[in-house]
Amino acid sequence: MKLSVKVDYACRVLAQMAKYHGTDELAHIEQLAEAEAVPANYLVQILSELRNGGLITSRRGKQGGYALARPPEDITLYDIVKLIEGDVLELNAAGEGHSGRRVDQVWREVRTALEQSCKGVTLAKFAAKRAEEMYYI
């Protein structure tokens, strides 16, 4: 399984937005792009998908910006990946041959386990709240 850069960017930007949750402050594209090192023009597309998928809300105008639509504890990694990529693990097995059905069954079990694992990780888990929680390389 290989996740796209788009999923990585979405997770990072949502983690940044989680810092604003519970305040009246809205996140702005420029702030998000700079804080998470995401190209602003690409970020516009990602934010649009996240808004259309119901993970964030937006407000237009001078006082506008973006906010999480739900608390960080209610947004899972599964929600993000499913919205951006579709299935967490796409199966193309045909189930043919002597072992095909069994191989297909094993891959379905792996997909179910991966989905359950992703559903157990919330946005709150990878949203650093304080500067000392942030990791630098």
C-alpha atoms as a PDB file:
ATOM      1  CA  MET A   1       0.000   0.000   0.000  1.00  0.00           C
ATOM      2  CA  LYS A   2       1.345   3.405  -0.932  1.00  0.00           C
ATOM      3  CA  LEU A   3      -0.341   6.578   0.220  1.00  0.00           C
ATOM      4  CA  SER A   4      -0.109   9.681  -1.895  1.00  0.00           C
ATOM      5  CA  VAL A   5       1.528  12.961  -0.992  1.00  0.00           C
ATOM      6  CA  LYS A   6      -1.992  14.379  -1.055  1.00  0.00           C
ATOM      7  CA  VAL A   7      -2.987  12.201   1.928  1.00  0.00           C
ATOM      8  CA  ASP A   8       0.170  13.260   3.763  1.00  0.00           C
ATOM      9  CA  TYR A   9      -0.584  16.927   3.105  1.00  0.00           C
ATOM     10  CA  ALA A  10      -4.214  16.494   4.157  1.00  0.00           C
ATOM     11  CA  CYS A  11      -3.207  14.840   7.436  1.00  0.00           C
ATOM     12  CA  ARG A  12      -0.637  17.523   8.217  1.00  0.00           C
ATOM     13  CA  VAL A  13      -2.984  20.390   7.423  1.00  0.00           C
ATOM     14  CA  LEU A  14      -5.830  18.848   9.423  1.00  0.00           C
ATOM     15  CA  ALA A  15      -3.448  18.329  12.353  1.00  0.00           C
ATOM     16  CA  GLN A  16      -2.546  22.027  12.134  1.00  0.00           C
ATOM     17  CA  MET A  17      -6.239  22.960  11.999  1.00  0.00           C
ATOM     18  CA  ALA A  18      -6.909  20.841  15.089  1.00  0.00           C
ATOM     19  CA  LYS A  19      -4.887  23.392  17.077  1.00  0.00           C
ATOM     20  CA  TYR A  20      -7.588  25.972  16.321  1.00  0.00           C
ATOM     21  CA  HIS A  21     -10.480  23.711  17.297  1.00  0.00           C
ATOM     22  CA  GLY A  22     -12.484  25.038  20.208  1.00  0.00           C
ATOM     23  CA  THR A  23     -11.420  28.622  19.576  1.00  0.00           C
ATOM     24  CA  ASP A  24     -13.023  31.319  17.482  1.00  0.00           C
ATOM     25  CA  GLU A  25      -9.917  31.495  15.328  1.00  0.00           C
ATOM     26  CA  LEU A  26     -10.029  30.218  11.765  1.00  0.00           C
ATOM     27  CA  ALA A  27      -7.105  28.807   9.816  1.00  0.00           C
ATOM     28  CA  HIS A  28      -5.980  30.620   6.675  1.00  0.00           C
ATOM     29  CA  ILE A  29      -4.459  29.086   3.568  1.00  0.00           C
ATOM     30  CA  GLU A  30      -1.248  31.094   3.851  1.00  0.00           C
ATOM     31  CA  GLN A  31      -0.737  30.080   7.496  1.00  0.00           C
ATOM     32  CA  LEU A  32      -1.443  26.422   6.802  1.00  0.00           C
ATOM     33  CA  ALA A  33       0.779  26.321   3.719  1.00  0.00           C
ATOM     34  CA  GLU A  34       3.707  27.874   5.571  1.00  0.00           C
ATOM     35  CA  ALA A  35       3.319  25.882   8.798  1.00  0.00           C
ATOM     36  CA  GLU A  36       3.066  22.530   7.024  1.00  0.00           C
ATOM     37  CA  ALA A  37       5.279  23.228   3.990  1.00  0.00           C
ATOM     38  CA  VAL A  38       2.463  22.553   1.528  1.00  0.00           C
ATOM     39  CA  PRO A  39       2.312  24.458  -1.778  1.00  0.00           C
ATOM     40  CA  ALA A  40      -0.541  26.966  -1.406  1.00  0.00           C
ATOM     41  CA  ASN A  41      -1.993  26.312  -4.880  1.00  0.00           C
ATOM     42  CA  TYR A  42      -2.181  22.567  -4.147  1.00  0.00           C
ATOM     43  CA  LEU A  43      -3.560  23.253  -0.678  1.00  0.00           C
ATOM     44  CA  VAL A  44      -6.550  25.054  -2.183  1.00  0.00           C
ATOM     45  CA  GLN A  45      -7.511  21.831  -3.990  1.00  0.00           C
ATOM     46  CA  ILE A  46      -7.041  19.708  -0.872  1.00  0.00           C
ATOM     47  CA  LEU A  47      -9.101  22.070   1.289  1.00  0.00           C
ATOM     48  CA  SER A  48     -11.854  21.998  -1.305  1.00  0.00           C
ATOM     49  CA  GLU A  49     -11.971  18.184  -1.155  1.00  0.00           C
ATOM     50  CA  LEU A  50     -11.943  18.215   2.640  1.00  0.00           C
ATOM     51  CA  ARG A  51     -14.780  20.758   2.677  1.00  0.00           C
ATOM     52  CA  ASN A  52     -16.836  18.849   0.109  1.00  0.00           C
ATOM     53  CA  GLY A  53     -16.250  15.664   2.106  1.00  0.00           C
ATOM     54  CA  GLY A  54     -17.538  17.254   5.294  1.00  0.00           C
ATOM     55  CA  LEU A  55     -14.308  17.201   7.316  1.00  0.00           C
ATOM     56  CA  ILE A  56     -13.892  20.987   7.375  1.00  0.00           C
ATOM     57  CA  THR A  57     -16.026  24.076   6.991  1.00  0.00           C
ATOM     58  CA  SER A  58     -15.141  27.389   5.419  1.00  0.00           C
ATOM     59  CA  ARG A  59     -16.211  30.960   5.781  1.00  0.00           C
ATOM     60  CA  ARG A  60     -15.728  33.532   3.035  1.00  0.00           C
ATOM     61  CA  GLY A  61     -14.744  37.124   3.372  1.00  0.00           C
ATOM     62  CA  LYS A  62     -12.242  39.250   5.205  1.00  0.00           C
ATOM     63  CA  GLN A  63     -12.773  37.349   8.465  1.00  0.00           C
ATOM     64  CA  GLY A  64     -13.008  34.026   6.645  1.00  0.00           C
ATOM     65  CA  GLY A  65     -10.966  30.876   6.889  1.00  0.00           C
ATOM     66  CA  TYR A  66     -11.229  27.174   7.597  1.00  0.00           C
ATOM     67  CA  ALA A  67     -12.173  25.105  10.646  1.00  0.00           C
ATOM     68  CA  LEU A  68     -12.712  21.448  11.443  1.00  0.00           C
ATOM     69  CA  ALA A  69     -16.324  20.379  10.987  1.00  0.00           C
ATOM     70  CA  ARG A  70     -16.035  17.946  13.916  1.00  0.00           C
ATOM     71  CA  PRO A  71     -13.808  17.663  16.985  1.00  0.00           C
ATOM     72  CA  PRO A  72     -10.342  16.160  16.270  1.00  0.00           C
ATOM     73  CA  GLU A  73     -11.337  13.118  18.338  1.00  0.00           C
ATOM     74  CA  ASP A  74     -14.160  12.418  15.865  1.00  0.00           C
ATOM     75  CA  ILE A  75     -12.066  12.523  12.679  1.00  0.00           C
ATOM     76  CA  THR A  76     -10.171   9.323  11.981  1.00  0.00           C
ATOM     77  CA  LEU A  77      -7.287   8.499   9.718  1.00  0.00           C
ATOM     78  CA  TYR A  78      -9.753   6.240   7.900  1.00  0.00           C
ATOM     79  CA  ASP A  79     -12.030   9.235   7.226  1.00  0.00           C
ATOM     80  CA  ILE A  80      -9.136  11.176   5.711  1.00  0.00           C
ATOM     81  CA  VAL A  81      -7.726   8.365   3.574  1.00  0.00           C
ATOM     82  CA  LYS A  82     -11.174   7.261   2.384  1.00  0.00           C
ATOM     83  CA  LEU A  83     -12.042  10.827   1.358  1.00  0.00           C
ATOM     84  CA  ILE A  84      -8.779  11.545  -0.455  1.00  0.00           C
ATOM     85  CA  GLU A  85      -7.877   8.127  -1.889  1.00  0.00           C
ATOM     86  CA  GLY A  86     -10.972   5.953  -1.754  1.00  0.00           C
ATOM     87  CA  ASP A  87     -10.575   2.458  -0.335  1.00  0.00           C
ATOM     88  CA  VAL A  88      -7.750   2.052   2.174  1.00  0.00           C
ATOM     89  CA  LEU A  89      -6.551  -1.021   0.305  1.00  0.00           C
ATOM     90  CA  GLU A  90      -7.961  -1.536  -3.156  1.00  0.00           C
ATOM     91  CA  LEU A  91      -8.270  -5.163  -4.132  1.00  0.00           C
ATOM     92  CA  ASN A  92      -8.023  -6.290  -7.728  1.00  0.00           C
ATOM     93  CA  ALA A  93      -7.894 -10.024  -7.097  1.00  0.00           C
ATOM     94  CA  ALA A  94      -9.876 -12.114  -9.531  1.00  0.00           C
ATOM     95  CA  GLY A  95     -10.072 -15.190  -7.305  1.00  0.00           C
ATOM     96  CA  GLU A  96      -9.039 -17.436 -10.179  1.00  0.00           C
ATOM     97  CA  GLY A  97      -6.810 -20.471 -10.201  1.00  0.00           C
ATOM     98  CA  HIS A  98      -6.350 -23.074  -7.497  1.00  0.00           C
ATOM     99  CA  SER A  99      -5.375 -20.592  -4.797  1.00  0.00           C
ATOM    100  CA  GLY A 100      -7.205 -17.515  -6.026  1.00  0.00           C
ATOM    101  CA  ARG A 101     -10.160 -17.676  -3.678  1.00  0.00           C
ATOM    102  CA  ARG A 102      -7.971 -18.188  -0.612  1.00  0.00           C
ATOM    103  CA  VAL A 103      -5.570 -15.401  -1.627  1.00  0.00           C
ATOM    104  CA  ASP A 104      -8.526 -13.091  -2.181  1.00  0.00           C
ATOM    105  CA  GLN A 105      -9.914 -13.996   1.249  1.00  0.00           C
ATOM    106  CA  VAL A 106      -6.558 -13.260   2.949  1.00  0.00           C
ATOM    107  CA  TRP A 107      -6.294  -9.858   1.235  1.00  0.00           C
ATOM    108  CA  ARG A 108      -9.826  -9.020   2.378  1.00  0.00           C
ATOM    109  CA  GLU A 109      -8.831  -9.895   5.952  1.00  0.00           C
ATOM    110  CA  VAL A 110      -5.768  -7.649   5.647  1.00  0.00           C
ATOM    111  CA  ARG A 111      -7.920  -4.805   4.305  1.00  0.00           C
ATOM    112  CA  THR A 112     -10.392  -5.180   7.184  1.00  0.00           C
ATOM    113  CA  ALA A 113      -7.558  -5.139   9.743  1.00  0.00           C
ATOM    114  CA  LEU A 114      -5.993  -2.073   8.107  1.00  0.00           C
ATOM    115  CA  GLU A 115      -9.330  -0.255   8.030  1.00  0.00           C
ATOM    116  CA  GLN A 116      -9.948  -1.037  11.710  1.00  0.00           C
ATOM    117  CA  SER A 117      -6.468   0.200  12.590  1.00  0.00           C
ATOM    118  CA  CYS A 118      -7.039   3.458  10.662  1.00  0.00           C
ATOM    119  CA  LYS A 119     -10.395   3.917  12.369  1.00  0.00           C
ATOM    120  CA  GLY A 120      -8.609   3.687  15.727  1.00  0.00           C
ATOM    121  CA  VAL A 121      -6.303   6.651  14.988  1.00  0.00           C
ATOM    122  CA  THR A 122      -7.909  10.045  15.391  1.00  0.00           C
ATOM    123  CA  LEU A 123      -6.759  13.449  14.270  1.00  0.00           C
ATOM    124  CA  ALA A 124      -6.231  14.334  17.931  1.00  0.00           C
ATOM    125  CA  LYS A 125      -3.449  11.733  18.076  1.00  0.00           C
ATOM    126  CA  PHE A 126      -1.252  13.473  15.536  1.00  0.00           C
ATOM    127  CA  ALA A 127      -2.138  17.044  16.375  1.00  0.00           C
ATOM    128  CA  ALA A 128       0.602  18.596  18.531  1.00  0.00           C
ATOM    129  CA  LYS A 129      -0.963  21.003  21.024  1.00  0.00           C
ATOM    130  CA  ARG A 130       2.169  22.677  22.379  1.00  0.00           C
ATOM    131  CA  ALA A 131       5.467  23.652  20.792  1.00  0.00           C
ATOM    132  CA  GLU A 132       7.380  21.113  22.910  1.00  0.00           C
ATOM    133  CA  GLU A 133       5.269  18.312  21.443  1.00  0.00           C
ATOM    134  CA  MET A 134       6.400  19.157  17.937  1.00  0.00           C
ATOM    135  CA  TYR A 135       9.172  17.060  16.444  1.00  0.00           C
ATOM    136  CA  TYR A 136      12.055  18.493  14.497  1.00  0.00           C
ATOM    137  CA  ILE A 137      14.595  16.639  12.411  1.00  0.00           C
END
